[in-house]
Amino acid sequence: MVSPFLRDLLGRSAAAESMNWLDDEMAAMRADFNQRRFYFAFSGVSRRFDKHVSVATTEADRPELEKLCEGFSVTGWDEFRLARVILLTVLSEQPDSVYQETLEKVLGSADLREQVAIFSALPLLPEPGFLLGLAREGSRTNIVDVFDAIALGNPFPAAHFPEEAWNQLVLKSLFISRPLYRMQGIDERANATLAEALSNLAHERWAAGRYVSPELWRSCANFLTDTIVSDIERVATSDEPGQREAAALVTASDSENRLAHLRELLAKQLDAVRSGDLTWDSLGEMLATAS
């Protein structure tokens, strides 16, 4: 059932006339659901709400968002997205067969903003096993906004993607230069297979004279093979922005002291790690700002 909190959140910025329309559509769908009406309402959001107005939230809203789903956030959402997500939660109240058939049809014909809304709604919708296939297929897109709706700030992949799919999501994020610090579960879902694949990717890029994001090493920090130790030694001597910081973050988490010989070289950066001034998230934010 749609959260009254999400409806009230949208109402903070949306016009009263628009909210009345949304309330009427939700009531009609609950009284007598009709696929055609849902399609028109889902599309009709663009005529009722403002894509240029961001949904306003405060720190006080965080507990209410967490009640909906751990890690759920509407940061960066516009009115279009939230209004459509609310309609999708109403759709999910229908019998599974109706809900799934309608959602697949809507996704099949959705424009960019509609796709973004559908994938943003995944954490709030039932039947994650059914949704997993849609999310995995969606993550193959080359449309950055759609990919971001799945991969960034969305708790669904970390909670439901199997290891192979998760690893592919991280690798693709690097291929298309997306900020890994915004991937929920990036530390918790790190694994040895991914660390090896990331090291291989770094080697390929180095051989081709291409840039390797310092964020790549985040998922390698707890899986220090001989090869990755050698990789971090190389990163620690780089003059590229963020590289030594990444090496310091890996070194700081090295419980086996395999990188102890780098501590003097990275003394300044390690001091920043110890003080809390340097974290993987702060590094990611710095790199995103600089790009």
C-alpha atoms as a PDB file:
ATOM      1  CA  MET A   1       0.000   0.000   0.000  1.00  0.00           C
ATOM      2  CA  VAL A   2       1.245   3.467  -0.858  1.00  0.00           C
ATOM      3  CA  SER A   3       2.878   5.243   2.027  1.00  0.00           C
ATOM      4  CA  PRO A   4       0.991   8.350   3.183  1.00  0.00           C
ATOM      5  CA  PHE A   5       4.427   9.773   3.877  1.00  0.00           C
ATOM      6  CA  LEU A   6       5.402   9.644   0.195  1.00  0.00           C
ATOM      7  CA  ARG A   7       2.144  11.304  -0.762  1.00  0.00           C
ATOM      8  CA  ASP A   8       2.725  14.058   1.799  1.00  0.00           C
ATOM      9  CA  LEU A   9       6.331  14.425   0.649  1.00  0.00           C
ATOM     10  CA  LEU A  10       5.171  15.080  -2.896  1.00  0.00           C
ATOM     11  CA  GLY A  11       2.536  17.482  -1.615  1.00  0.00           C
ATOM     12  CA  ARG A  12       5.178  19.759  -0.130  1.00  0.00           C
ATOM     13  CA  SER A  13       6.033  21.125  -3.561  1.00  0.00           C
ATOM     14  CA  ALA A  14       3.321  19.964  -5.955  1.00  0.00           C
ATOM     15  CA  ALA A  15       0.272  22.097  -6.717  1.00  0.00           C
ATOM     16  CA  ALA A  16      -2.924  21.276  -4.832  1.00  0.00           C
ATOM     17  CA  GLU A  17      -4.715  20.660  -8.145  1.00  0.00           C
ATOM     18  CA  SER A  18      -2.087  18.073  -9.114  1.00  0.00           C
ATOM     19  CA  MET A  19      -2.351  16.303  -5.770  1.00  0.00           C
ATOM     20  CA  ASN A  20      -6.146  16.204  -6.038  1.00  0.00           C
ATOM     21  CA  TRP A  21      -5.807  14.574  -9.438  1.00  0.00           C
ATOM     22  CA  LEU A  22      -3.381  11.985  -8.032  1.00  0.00           C
ATOM     23  CA  ASP A  23      -5.662  11.237  -5.089  1.00  0.00           C
ATOM     24  CA  ASP A  24      -8.613  10.742  -7.449  1.00  0.00           C
ATOM     25  CA  GLU A  25      -6.612   8.389  -9.674  1.00  0.00           C
ATOM     26  CA  MET A  26      -5.450   6.312  -6.717  1.00  0.00           C
ATOM     27  CA  ALA A  27      -8.980   6.052  -5.347  1.00  0.00           C
ATOM     28  CA  ALA A  28     -10.379   5.009  -8.736  1.00  0.00           C
ATOM     29  CA  MET A  29      -7.725   2.323  -9.213  1.00  0.00           C
ATOM     30  CA  ARG A  30      -8.391   0.887  -5.782  1.00  0.00           C
ATOM     31  CA  ALA A  31     -12.129   0.838  -6.371  1.00  0.00           C
ATOM     32  CA  ASP A  32     -12.021  -0.801  -9.804  1.00  0.00           C
ATOM     33  CA  PHE A  33      -8.560  -1.330 -11.300  1.00  0.00           C
ATOM     34  CA  ASN A  34      -8.274  -0.921 -15.037  1.00  0.00           C
ATOM     35  CA  GLN A  35      -5.014  -1.307 -16.971  1.00  0.00           C
ATOM     36  CA  ARG A  36      -5.936   1.370 -19.463  1.00  0.00           C
ATOM     37  CA  ARG A  37      -6.623   3.877 -16.717  1.00  0.00           C
ATOM     38  CA  PHE A  38      -3.294   3.060 -15.089  1.00  0.00           C
ATOM     39  CA  TYR A  39      -1.424   3.606 -18.380  1.00  0.00           C
ATOM     40  CA  PHE A  40      -3.076   6.994 -18.886  1.00  0.00           C
ATOM     41  CA  ALA A  41      -2.400   8.055 -15.300  1.00  0.00           C
ATOM     42  CA  PHE A  42       1.224   6.901 -15.395  1.00  0.00           C
ATOM     43  CA  SER A  43       1.790   8.851 -18.611  1.00  0.00           C
ATOM     44  CA  GLY A  44      -0.414  11.731 -17.470  1.00  0.00           C
ATOM     45  CA  VAL A  45       1.932  12.592 -14.619  1.00  0.00           C
ATOM     46  CA  SER A  46       3.908  14.665 -17.130  1.00  0.00           C
ATOM     47  CA  ARG A  47       0.911  16.968 -17.602  1.00  0.00           C
ATOM     48  CA  ARG A  48       0.215  17.389 -13.899  1.00  0.00           C
ATOM     49  CA  PHE A  49       3.582  17.660 -12.155  1.00  0.00           C
ATOM     50  CA  ASP A  50       6.819  19.579 -12.695  1.00  0.00           C
ATOM     51  CA  LYS A  51       9.952  17.772 -13.856  1.00  0.00           C
ATOM     52  CA  HIS A  52      12.025  20.803 -12.892  1.00  0.00           C
ATOM     53  CA  VAL A  53      11.027  20.763  -9.227  1.00  0.00           C
ATOM     54  CA  SER A  54      13.071  18.564  -6.918  1.00  0.00           C
ATOM     55  CA  VAL A  55      11.421  16.714  -4.062  1.00  0.00           C
ATOM     56  CA  ALA A  56      12.397  18.484  -0.843  1.00  0.00           C
ATOM     57  CA  THR A  57      13.536  16.364   2.098  1.00  0.00           C
ATOM     58  CA  THR A  58      15.209  17.033   5.428  1.00  0.00           C
ATOM     59  CA  GLU A  59      17.269  14.921   7.786  1.00  0.00           C
ATOM     60  CA  ALA A  60      14.113  14.458   9.846  1.00  0.00           C
ATOM     61  CA  ASP A  61      12.581  12.542   6.923  1.00  0.00           C
ATOM     62  CA  ARG A  62      15.241   9.845   6.976  1.00  0.00           C
ATOM     63  CA  PRO A  63      13.567   7.602   9.612  1.00  0.00           C
ATOM     64  CA  GLU A  64      10.305   7.604   7.637  1.00  0.00           C
ATOM     65  CA  LEU A  65      12.127   6.677   4.430  1.00  0.00           C
ATOM     66  CA  GLU A  66      14.002   3.918   6.259  1.00  0.00           C
ATOM     67  CA  LYS A  67      10.677   2.484   7.418  1.00  0.00           C
ATOM     68  CA  LEU A  68       9.720   1.979   3.787  1.00  0.00           C
ATOM     69  CA  CYS A  69      12.973   0.183   2.960  1.00  0.00           C
ATOM     70  CA  GLU A  70      16.399   0.240   4.545  1.00  0.00           C
ATOM     71  CA  GLY A  71      18.602   2.533   2.503  1.00  0.00           C
ATOM     72  CA  PHE A  72      15.710   3.979   0.510  1.00  0.00           C
ATOM     73  CA  SER A  73      16.171   7.605  -0.528  1.00  0.00           C
ATOM     74  CA  VAL A  74      14.491  10.129  -2.811  1.00  0.00           C
ATOM     75  CA  THR A  75      17.536  12.396  -3.027  1.00  0.00           C
ATOM     76  CA  GLY A  76      17.720  13.985  -6.458  1.00  0.00           C
ATOM     77  CA  TRP A  77      14.178  12.973  -7.416  1.00  0.00           C
ATOM     78  CA  ASP A  78      11.828  15.336  -9.227  1.00  0.00           C
ATOM     79  CA  GLU A  79       8.037  15.442  -8.919  1.00  0.00           C
ATOM     80  CA  PHE A  80       7.611  13.269 -12.022  1.00  0.00           C
ATOM     81  CA  ARG A  81       9.547  10.422 -10.471  1.00  0.00           C
ATOM     82  CA  LEU A  82       7.871  10.451  -7.073  1.00  0.00           C
ATOM     83  CA  ALA A  83       4.343  10.753  -8.484  1.00  0.00           C
ATOM     84  CA  ARG A  84       4.942   7.750 -10.744  1.00  0.00           C
ATOM     85  CA  VAL A  85       6.496   5.720  -7.936  1.00  0.00           C
ATOM     86  CA  ILE A  86       3.378   6.389  -5.844  1.00  0.00           C
ATOM     87  CA  LEU A  87       1.191   5.114  -8.702  1.00  0.00           C
ATOM     88  CA  LEU A  88       3.376   2.002  -8.991  1.00  0.00           C
ATOM     89  CA  THR A  89       2.833   1.201  -5.333  1.00  0.00           C
ATOM     90  CA  VAL A  90      -0.920   1.360  -5.979  1.00  0.00           C
ATOM     91  CA  LEU A  91      -0.451  -1.000  -8.920  1.00  0.00           C
ATOM     92  CA  SER A  92       1.404  -3.412  -6.635  1.00  0.00           C
ATOM     93  CA  GLU A  93      -1.736  -3.761  -4.487  1.00  0.00           C
ATOM     94  CA  GLN A  94      -3.413  -5.664  -7.331  1.00  0.00           C
ATOM     95  CA  PRO A  95      -3.300  -9.484  -7.620  1.00  0.00           C
ATOM     96  CA  ASP A  96       0.167 -10.691  -8.625  1.00  0.00           C
ATOM     97  CA  SER A  97      -0.869 -11.641 -12.156  1.00  0.00           C
ATOM     98  CA  VAL A  98      -2.366  -8.199 -12.835  1.00  0.00           C
ATOM     99  CA  TYR A  99       0.499  -6.357 -11.139  1.00  0.00           C
ATOM    100  CA  GLN A 100       3.224  -8.235 -12.997  1.00  0.00           C
ATOM    101  CA  GLU A 101       1.558  -8.173 -16.418  1.00  0.00           C
ATOM    102  CA  THR A 102       0.815  -4.454 -16.159  1.00  0.00           C
ATOM    103  CA  LEU A 103       4.285  -3.564 -14.939  1.00  0.00           C
ATOM    104  CA  GLU A 104       5.949  -5.498 -17.773  1.00  0.00           C
ATOM    105  CA  LYS A 105       3.725  -3.808 -20.356  1.00  0.00           C
ATOM    106  CA  VAL A 106       4.352  -0.354 -18.945  1.00  0.00           C
ATOM    107  CA  LEU A 107       8.115  -0.934 -18.851  1.00  0.00           C
ATOM    108  CA  GLY A 108       8.048  -2.234 -22.426  1.00  0.00           C
ATOM    109  CA  SER A 109       6.700   1.060 -23.741  1.00  0.00           C
ATOM    110  CA  ALA A 110       8.096   3.463 -21.153  1.00  0.00           C
ATOM    111  CA  ASP A 111      10.017   6.580 -22.109  1.00  0.00           C
ATOM    112  CA  LEU A 112      13.241   7.533 -20.329  1.00  0.00           C
ATOM    113  CA  ARG A 113      11.641   9.264 -17.341  1.00  0.00           C
ATOM    114  CA  GLU A 114       9.076   6.501 -16.948  1.00  0.00           C
ATOM    115  CA  GLN A 115      11.815   3.852 -16.933  1.00  0.00           C
ATOM    116  CA  VAL A 116      13.692   5.835 -14.287  1.00  0.00           C
ATOM    117  CA  ALA A 117      10.580   5.876 -12.098  1.00  0.00           C
ATOM    118  CA  ILE A 118       9.963   2.142 -12.508  1.00  0.00           C
ATOM    119  CA  PHE A 119      13.497   1.177 -11.536  1.00  0.00           C
ATOM    120  CA  SER A 120      13.529   3.693  -8.685  1.00  0.00           C
ATOM    121  CA  ALA A 121      10.399   2.013  -7.285  1.00  0.00           C
ATOM    122  CA  LEU A 122      11.940  -1.475  -7.096  1.00  0.00           C
ATOM    123  CA  PRO A 123      12.737  -1.353  -3.350  1.00  0.00           C
ATOM    124  CA  LEU A 124       9.082  -0.586  -2.575  1.00  0.00           C
ATOM    125  CA  LEU A 125       7.454  -3.204  -4.798  1.00  0.00           C
ATOM    126  CA  PRO A 126       6.564  -6.832  -3.926  1.00  0.00           C
ATOM    127  CA  GLU A 127       7.848 -10.019  -5.558  1.00  0.00           C
ATOM    128  CA  PRO A 128      11.583  -9.206  -5.733  1.00  0.00           C
ATOM    129  CA  GLY A 129      12.203 -12.461  -7.599  1.00  0.00           C
ATOM    130  CA  PHE A 130      10.040 -11.207 -10.464  1.00  0.00           C
ATOM    131  CA  LEU A 131      11.599  -7.739 -10.295  1.00  0.00           C
ATOM    132  CA  LEU A 132      15.138  -9.134 -10.388  1.00  0.00           C
ATOM    133  CA  GLY A 133      14.820 -10.121 -14.033  1.00  0.00           C
ATOM    134  CA  LEU A 134      13.556  -6.660 -14.955  1.00  0.00           C
ATOM    135  CA  ALA A 135      16.389  -4.996 -13.039  1.00  0.00           C
ATOM    136  CA  ARG A 136      19.089  -7.182 -14.570  1.00  0.00           C
ATOM    137  CA  GLU A 137      17.794  -6.552 -18.059  1.00  0.00           C
ATOM    138  CA  GLY A 138      17.490  -2.846 -17.322  1.00  0.00           C
ATOM    139  CA  SER A 139      21.086  -2.644 -16.100  1.00  0.00           C
ATOM    140  CA  ARG A 140      22.259  -3.575 -19.606  1.00  0.00           C
ATOM    141  CA  THR A 141      21.098  -0.196 -20.903  1.00  0.00           C
ATOM    142  CA  ASN A 142      23.474   2.395 -22.266  1.00  0.00           C
ATOM    143  CA  ILE A 143      21.173   5.209 -21.145  1.00  0.00           C
ATOM    144  CA  VAL A 144      22.967   6.703 -18.161  1.00  0.00           C
ATOM    145  CA  ASP A 145      19.872   8.042 -16.368  1.00  0.00           C
ATOM    146  CA  VAL A 146      18.186   4.647 -16.508  1.00  0.00           C
ATOM    147  CA  PHE A 147      21.328   2.816 -15.411  1.00  0.00           C
ATOM    148  CA  ASP A 148      21.767   5.249 -12.521  1.00  0.00           C
ATOM    149  CA  ALA A 149      18.199   4.617 -11.351  1.00  0.00           C
ATOM    150  CA  ILE A 150      19.140   0.966 -10.861  1.00  0.00           C
ATOM    151  CA  ALA A 151      22.757   1.185  -9.764  1.00  0.00           C
ATOM    152  CA  LEU A 152      23.064   4.408  -7.757  1.00  0.00           C
ATOM    153  CA  GLY A 153      21.284   5.221  -4.517  1.00  0.00           C
ATOM    154  CA  ASN A 154      19.056   2.180  -4.946  1.00  0.00           C
ATOM    155  CA  PRO A 155      19.141  -0.561  -2.269  1.00  0.00           C
ATOM    156  CA  PHE A 156      17.563  -3.187  -4.561  1.00  0.00           C
ATOM    157  CA  PRO A 157      20.703  -4.517  -6.317  1.00  0.00           C
ATOM    158  CA  ALA A 158      22.700  -4.990  -3.110  1.00  0.00           C
ATOM    159  CA  ALA A 159      19.764  -6.771  -1.503  1.00  0.00           C
ATOM    160  CA  HIS A 160      18.778  -9.040  -4.401  1.00  0.00           C
ATOM    161  CA  PHE A 161      21.394  -9.302  -7.168  1.00  0.00           C
ATOM    162  CA  PRO A 162      23.329 -12.592  -7.130  1.00  0.00           C
ATOM    163  CA  GLU A 163      27.104 -12.240  -7.020  1.00  0.00           C
ATOM    164  CA  GLU A 164      27.627 -12.493 -10.777  1.00  0.00           C
ATOM    165  CA  ALA A 165      25.040  -9.803 -11.490  1.00  0.00           C
ATOM    166  CA  TRP A 166      26.401  -7.563  -8.744  1.00  0.00           C
ATOM    167  CA  ASN A 167      29.919  -7.866 -10.094  1.00  0.00           C
ATOM    168  CA  GLN A 168      28.733  -6.996 -13.587  1.00  0.00           C
ATOM    169  CA  LEU A 169      26.940  -3.945 -12.212  1.00  0.00           C
ATOM    170  CA  VAL A 170      30.105  -2.660 -10.526  1.00  0.00           C
ATOM    171  CA  LEU A 171      32.230  -3.292 -13.602  1.00  0.00           C
ATOM    172  CA  LYS A 172      29.748  -1.565 -15.899  1.00  0.00           C
ATOM    173  CA  SER A 173      29.615   1.400 -13.517  1.00  0.00           C
ATOM    174  CA  LEU A 174      33.343   1.797 -14.050  1.00  0.00           C
ATOM    175  CA  PHE A 175      33.091   1.272 -17.814  1.00  0.00           C
ATOM    176  CA  ILE A 176      30.634   4.159 -18.118  1.00  0.00           C
ATOM    177  CA  SER A 177      32.317   6.306 -15.438  1.00  0.00           C
ATOM    178  CA  ARG A 178      29.607   6.236 -12.785  1.00  0.00           C
ATOM    179  CA  PRO A 179      30.474   7.138  -9.149  1.00  0.00           C
ATOM    180  CA  LEU A 180      30.858   3.953  -7.124  1.00  0.00           C
ATOM    181  CA  TYR A 181      30.495   5.756  -3.798  1.00  0.00           C
ATOM    182  CA  ARG A 182      26.803   6.148  -4.603  1.00  0.00           C
ATOM    183  CA  MET A 183      26.277   2.384  -4.956  1.00  0.00           C
ATOM    184  CA  GLN A 184      24.541   1.097  -1.867  1.00  0.00           C
ATOM    185  CA  GLY A 185      26.194  -2.037  -0.505  1.00  0.00           C
ATOM    186  CA  ILE A 186      29.465  -1.416  -2.343  1.00  0.00           C
ATOM    187  CA  ASP A 187      31.512  -2.536   0.681  1.00  0.00           C
ATOM    188  CA  GLU A 188      29.222  -5.282   1.923  1.00  0.00           C
ATOM    189  CA  ARG A 189      28.978  -6.945  -1.512  1.00  0.00           C
ATOM    190  CA  ALA A 190      32.728  -6.886  -2.244  1.00  0.00           C
ATOM    191  CA  ASN A 191      34.058 -10.347  -3.049  1.00  0.00           C
ATOM    192  CA  ALA A 192      37.221 -12.057  -4.244  1.00  0.00           C
ATOM    193  CA  THR A 193      35.900 -12.708  -7.753  1.00  0.00           C
ATOM    194  CA  LEU A 194      35.055  -9.047  -8.192  1.00  0.00           C
ATOM    195  CA  ALA A 195      38.449  -7.963  -6.831  1.00  0.00           C
ATOM    196  CA  GLU A 196      40.212 -10.143  -9.406  1.00  0.00           C
ATOM    197  CA  ALA A 197      38.024  -8.803 -12.217  1.00  0.00           C
ATOM    198  CA  LEU A 198      38.713  -5.227 -11.146  1.00  0.00           C
ATOM    199  CA  SER A 199      42.445  -5.830 -11.091  1.00  0.00           C
ATOM    200  CA  ASN A 200      42.231  -7.332 -14.575  1.00  0.00           C
ATOM    201  CA  LEU A 201      40.288  -4.278 -15.741  1.00  0.00           C
ATOM    202  CA  ALA A 202      42.936  -1.962 -14.313  1.00  0.00           C
ATOM    203  CA  HIS A 203      45.673  -3.884 -16.142  1.00  0.00           C
ATOM    204  CA  GLU A 204      43.770  -3.664 -19.426  1.00  0.00           C
ATOM    205  CA  ARG A 205      43.331   0.072 -19.038  1.00  0.00           C
ATOM    206  CA  TRP A 206      46.917   0.661 -18.032  1.00  0.00           C
ATOM    207  CA  ALA A 207      48.102  -1.323 -21.063  1.00  0.00           C
ATOM    208  CA  ALA A 208      45.928   0.853 -23.294  1.00  0.00           C
ATOM    209  CA  GLY A 209      47.100   4.067 -21.622  1.00  0.00           C
ATOM    210  CA  ARG A 210      43.620   4.724 -20.247  1.00  0.00           C
ATOM    211  CA  TYR A 211      42.461   6.209 -16.947  1.00  0.00           C
ATOM    212  CA  VAL A 212      41.771   3.917 -13.987  1.00  0.00           C
ATOM    213  CA  SER A 213      39.389   5.379 -11.435  1.00  0.00           C
ATOM    214  CA  PRO A 214      40.755   5.387  -7.877  1.00  0.00           C
ATOM    215  CA  GLU A 215      37.343   4.094  -6.781  1.00  0.00           C
ATOM    216  CA  LEU A 216      38.073   0.808  -8.552  1.00  0.00           C
ATOM    217  CA  TRP A 217      40.235  -0.296  -5.616  1.00  0.00           C
ATOM    218  CA  ARG A 218      37.467   0.047  -3.040  1.00  0.00           C
ATOM    219  CA  SER A 219      36.165  -3.471  -3.667  1.00  0.00           C
ATOM    220  CA  CYS A 220      39.710  -4.880  -3.625  1.00  0.00           C
ATOM    221  CA  ALA A 221      40.637  -3.623  -0.151  1.00  0.00           C
ATOM    222  CA  ASN A 222      39.933  -6.873   1.691  1.00  0.00           C
ATOM    223  CA  PHE A 223      41.139  -9.228  -1.040  1.00  0.00           C
ATOM    224  CA  LEU A 224      44.860  -8.527  -1.342  1.00  0.00           C
ATOM    225  CA  THR A 225      46.366 -11.081  -3.676  1.00  0.00           C
ATOM    226  CA  ASP A 226      49.984 -10.734  -4.751  1.00  0.00           C
ATOM    227  CA  THR A 227      48.767  -9.095  -7.940  1.00  0.00           C
ATOM    228  CA  ILE A 228      46.581  -6.572  -6.143  1.00  0.00           C
ATOM    229  CA  VAL A 229      49.416  -5.738  -3.716  1.00  0.00           C
ATOM    230  CA  SER A 230      51.537  -4.938  -6.760  1.00  0.00           C
ATOM    231  CA  ASP A 231      48.682  -2.871  -8.189  1.00  0.00           C
ATOM    232  CA  ILE A 232      48.408  -0.797  -5.011  1.00  0.00           C
ATOM    233  CA  GLU A 233      52.182  -0.227  -5.024  1.00  0.00           C
ATOM    234  CA  ARG A 234      51.783   1.269  -8.489  1.00  0.00           C
ATOM    235  CA  VAL A 235      48.781   3.378  -7.452  1.00  0.00           C
ATOM    236  CA  ALA A 236      50.675   4.685  -4.397  1.00  0.00           C
ATOM    237  CA  THR A 237      53.281   6.330  -6.630  1.00  0.00           C
ATOM    238  CA  SER A 238      50.825   7.909  -9.065  1.00  0.00           C
ATOM    239  CA  ASP A 239      50.505  11.673  -9.363  1.00  0.00           C
ATOM    240  CA  GLU A 240      46.945  11.471 -10.702  1.00  0.00           C
ATOM    241  CA  PRO A 241      44.302  13.012  -8.406  1.00  0.00           C
ATOM    242  CA  GLY A 242      42.862  10.546  -5.936  1.00  0.00           C
ATOM    243  CA  GLN A 243      45.244   7.681  -6.661  1.00  0.00           C
ATOM    244  CA  ARG A 244      47.428   7.971  -3.570  1.00  0.00           C
ATOM    245  CA  GLU A 245      44.326   8.561  -1.476  1.00  0.00           C
ATOM    246  CA  ALA A 246      42.892   5.279  -2.759  1.00  0.00           C
ATOM    247  CA  ALA A 247      46.142   3.471  -1.998  1.00  0.00           C
ATOM    248  CA  ALA A 248      46.072   4.907   1.533  1.00  0.00           C
ATOM    249  CA  LEU A 249      42.516   3.734   2.100  1.00  0.00           C
ATOM    250  CA  VAL A 250      43.428   0.211   1.016  1.00  0.00           C
ATOM    251  CA  THR A 251      46.583   0.299   3.150  1.00  0.00           C
ATOM    252  CA  ALA A 252      44.636   1.519   6.177  1.00  0.00           C
ATOM    253  CA  SER A 253      42.317  -1.489   5.986  1.00  0.00           C
ATOM    254  CA  ASP A 254      45.150  -3.992   5.481  1.00  0.00           C
ATOM    255  CA  SER A 255      44.900  -6.176   8.596  1.00  0.00           C
ATOM    256  CA  GLU A 256      47.588  -8.573   7.352  1.00  0.00           C
ATOM    257  CA  ASN A 257      50.232  -5.843   6.914  1.00  0.00           C
ATOM    258  CA  ARG A 258      50.864  -6.769   3.306  1.00  0.00           C
ATOM    259  CA  LEU A 259      51.101  -3.074   2.482  1.00  0.00           C
ATOM    260  CA  ALA A 260      53.041  -1.997   5.573  1.00  0.00           C
ATOM    261  CA  HIS A 261      55.961  -0.936   3.366  1.00  0.00           C
ATOM    262  CA  LEU A 262      53.775   1.799   1.860  1.00  0.00           C
ATOM    263  CA  ARG A 263      52.924   3.526   5.118  1.00  0.00           C
ATOM    264  CA  GLU A 264      55.821   5.940   5.093  1.00  0.00           C
ATOM    265  CA  LEU A 265      55.208   6.869   1.465  1.00  0.00           C
ATOM    266  CA  LEU A 266      51.525   7.477   2.217  1.00  0.00           C
ATOM    267  CA  ALA A 267      51.975   9.038   5.664  1.00  0.00           C
ATOM    268  CA  LYS A 268      50.068  12.230   4.829  1.00  0.00           C
ATOM    269  CA  GLN A 269      47.127  10.408   3.325  1.00  0.00           C
ATOM    270  CA  LEU A 270      47.038   7.858   6.163  1.00  0.00           C
ATOM    271  CA  ASP A 271      46.844  10.708   8.666  1.00  0.00           C
ATOM    272  CA  ALA A 272      43.779  11.945   6.806  1.00  0.00           C
ATOM    273  CA  VAL A 273      42.246   8.456   6.973  1.00  0.00           C
ATOM    274  CA  ARG A 274      42.833   8.253  10.721  1.00  0.00           C
ATOM    275  CA  SER A 275      41.288  11.690  11.308  1.00  0.00           C
ATOM    276  CA  GLY A 276      38.235  10.789   9.250  1.00  0.00           C
ATOM    277  CA  ASP A 277      38.959  13.480   6.667  1.00  0.00           C
ATOM    278  CA  LEU A 278      39.594  10.841   4.005  1.00  0.00           C
ATOM    279  CA  THR A 279      37.077   8.079   3.380  1.00  0.00           C
ATOM    280  CA  TRP A 280      36.026   6.179   0.289  1.00  0.00           C
ATOM    281  CA  ASP A 281      32.894   8.312   0.146  1.00  0.00           C
ATOM    282  CA  SER A 282      34.764  11.600   0.474  1.00  0.00           C
ATOM    283  CA  LEU A 283      37.181  10.443  -2.224  1.00  0.00           C
ATOM    284  CA  GLY A 284      34.276   9.536  -4.506  1.00  0.00           C
ATOM    285  CA  GLU A 285      32.643  12.912  -3.911  1.00  0.00           C
ATOM    286  CA  MET A 286      35.915  14.691  -4.655  1.00  0.00           C
ATOM    287  CA  LEU A 287      36.377  12.793  -7.914  1.00  0.00           C
ATOM    288  CA  ALA A 288      32.776  13.423  -8.960  1.00  0.00           C
ATOM    289  CA  THR A 289      33.148  17.147  -8.295  1.00  0.00           C
ATOM    290  CA  ALA A 290      36.385  17.307 -10.268  1.00  0.00           C
ATOM    291  CA  SER A 291      35.013  15.476 -13.306  1.00  0.00           C
END
